[in-house]
Amino acid sequence: MLDSPRPAVSFTDYAYNETRYKALAAANPTEAKRLMGLAQELMTLRYKNYENMATWKAEEFAPVA
């Protein structure tokens, strides 16, 4: 069971509330757009992985040695 909902805001919308991301966009807009796309893709994949893991039974988790 997940204890947090799926993100309601895109990573880009969230990130551009911080000065460091605004500075990146101002200094290099092309690279900022590329990096924001990658970050959004990774965030989406990570949450999908969490959703998948939430369906697993306890026995399916292997201990890390």
C-alpha atoms as a PDB file:
ATOM      1  CA  MET A   1       0.000   0.000   0.000  1.00  0.00           C
ATOM      2  CA  LEU A   2       1.315   3.417  -0.951  1.00  0.00           C
ATOM      3  CA  ASP A   3       1.071   6.138   1.646  1.00  0.00           C
ATOM      4  CA  SER A   4       1.338   9.038  -0.804  1.00  0.00           C
ATOM      5  CA  PRO A   5      -0.709   9.935  -3.874  1.00  0.00           C
ATOM      6  CA  ARG A   6       0.649  10.229  -7.393  1.00  0.00           C
ATOM      7  CA  PRO A   7       2.274  13.669  -7.869  1.00  0.00           C
ATOM      8  CA  ALA A   8      -0.360  16.170  -8.973  1.00  0.00           C
ATOM      9  CA  VAL A   9       2.126  18.708 -10.350  1.00  0.00           C
ATOM     10  CA  SER A  10       4.728  18.141 -13.042  1.00  0.00           C
ATOM     11  CA  PHE A  11       8.353  18.205 -11.980  1.00  0.00           C
ATOM     12  CA  THR A  12       8.968  21.274 -14.137  1.00  0.00           C
ATOM     13  CA  ASP A  13       6.174  23.253 -12.474  1.00  0.00           C
ATOM     14  CA  TYR A  14       7.477  22.241  -9.064  1.00  0.00           C
ATOM     15  CA  ALA A  15      11.154  22.837  -9.841  1.00  0.00           C
ATOM     16  CA  TYR A  16      10.734  26.287 -11.320  1.00  0.00           C
ATOM     17  CA  ASN A  17       9.607  27.528  -7.910  1.00  0.00           C
ATOM     18  CA  GLU A  18      13.272  27.215  -6.885  1.00  0.00           C
ATOM     19  CA  THR A  19      15.898  29.770  -7.836  1.00  0.00           C
ATOM     20  CA  ARG A  20      18.522  27.237  -8.915  1.00  0.00           C
ATOM     21  CA  TYR A  21      16.240  25.816 -11.613  1.00  0.00           C
ATOM     22  CA  LYS A  22      15.168  29.273 -12.769  1.00  0.00           C
ATOM     23  CA  ALA A  23      18.851  30.202 -13.056  1.00  0.00           C
ATOM     24  CA  LEU A  24      19.543  27.110 -15.162  1.00  0.00           C
ATOM     25  CA  ALA A  25      16.651  27.964 -17.485  1.00  0.00           C
ATOM     26  CA  ALA A  26      17.915  31.526 -17.847  1.00  0.00           C
ATOM     27  CA  ALA A  27      21.520  30.473 -18.478  1.00  0.00           C
ATOM     28  CA  ASN A  28      20.860  27.569 -20.830  1.00  0.00           C
ATOM     29  CA  PRO A  29      17.206  27.120 -21.826  1.00  0.00           C
ATOM     30  CA  THR A  30      17.838  24.223 -24.218  1.00  0.00           C
ATOM     31  CA  GLU A  31      19.741  22.169 -21.657  1.00  0.00           C
ATOM     32  CA  ALA A  32      17.230  23.070 -18.935  1.00  0.00           C
ATOM     33  CA  LYS A  33      14.374  21.776 -21.076  1.00  0.00           C
ATOM     34  CA  ARG A  34      16.249  18.540 -21.791  1.00  0.00           C
ATOM     35  CA  LEU A  35      17.094  17.986 -18.124  1.00  0.00           C
ATOM     36  CA  MET A  36      13.547  18.753 -16.993  1.00  0.00           C
ATOM     37  CA  GLY A  37      12.224  16.185 -19.459  1.00  0.00           C
ATOM     38  CA  LEU A  38      14.631  13.565 -18.138  1.00  0.00           C
ATOM     39  CA  ALA A  39      13.763  14.391 -14.530  1.00  0.00           C
ATOM     40  CA  GLN A  40      10.048  14.102 -15.272  1.00  0.00           C
ATOM     41  CA  GLU A  41      10.558  10.754 -16.997  1.00  0.00           C
ATOM     42  CA  LEU A  42      12.558   9.402 -14.051  1.00  0.00           C
ATOM     43  CA  MET A  43       9.986  10.658 -11.557  1.00  0.00           C
ATOM     44  CA  THR A  44       7.188   8.950 -13.485  1.00  0.00           C
ATOM     45  CA  LEU A  45       9.117   5.671 -13.744  1.00  0.00           C
ATOM     46  CA  ARG A  46       9.991   5.723 -10.055  1.00  0.00           C
ATOM     47  CA  TYR A  47       6.374   6.219  -9.017  1.00  0.00           C
ATOM     48  CA  LYS A  48       5.238   3.420 -11.344  1.00  0.00           C
ATOM     49  CA  ASN A  49       7.820   1.191  -9.677  1.00  0.00           C
ATOM     50  CA  TYR A  50       6.433   2.136  -6.248  1.00  0.00           C
ATOM     51  CA  GLU A  51       2.904   1.326  -7.451  1.00  0.00           C
ATOM     52  CA  ASN A  52       4.114  -2.047  -8.687  1.00  0.00           C
ATOM     53  CA  MET A  53       5.936  -2.815  -5.446  1.00  0.00           C
ATOM     54  CA  ALA A  54       2.830  -1.910  -3.453  1.00  0.00           C
ATOM     55  CA  THR A  55       1.116  -4.982  -4.936  1.00  0.00           C
ATOM     56  CA  TRP A  56       3.858  -7.383  -3.804  1.00  0.00           C
ATOM     57  CA  LYS A  57       3.448  -9.744  -0.889  1.00  0.00           C
ATOM     58  CA  ALA A  58       6.010  -9.660   1.902  1.00  0.00           C
ATOM     59  CA  GLU A  59       7.582 -12.892   0.656  1.00  0.00           C
ATOM     60  CA  GLU A  60       8.436 -11.244  -2.661  1.00  0.00           C
ATOM     61  CA  PHE A  61      10.883  -8.859  -1.042  1.00  0.00           C
ATOM     62  CA  ALA A  62      14.306 -10.458  -0.846  1.00  0.00           C
ATOM     63  CA  PRO A  63      16.609  -9.380   1.971  1.00  0.00           C
ATOM     64  CA  VAL A  64      19.752  -7.564   0.891  1.00  0.00           C
ATOM     65  CA  ALA A  65      22.839  -9.383   2.110  1.00  0.00           C
END
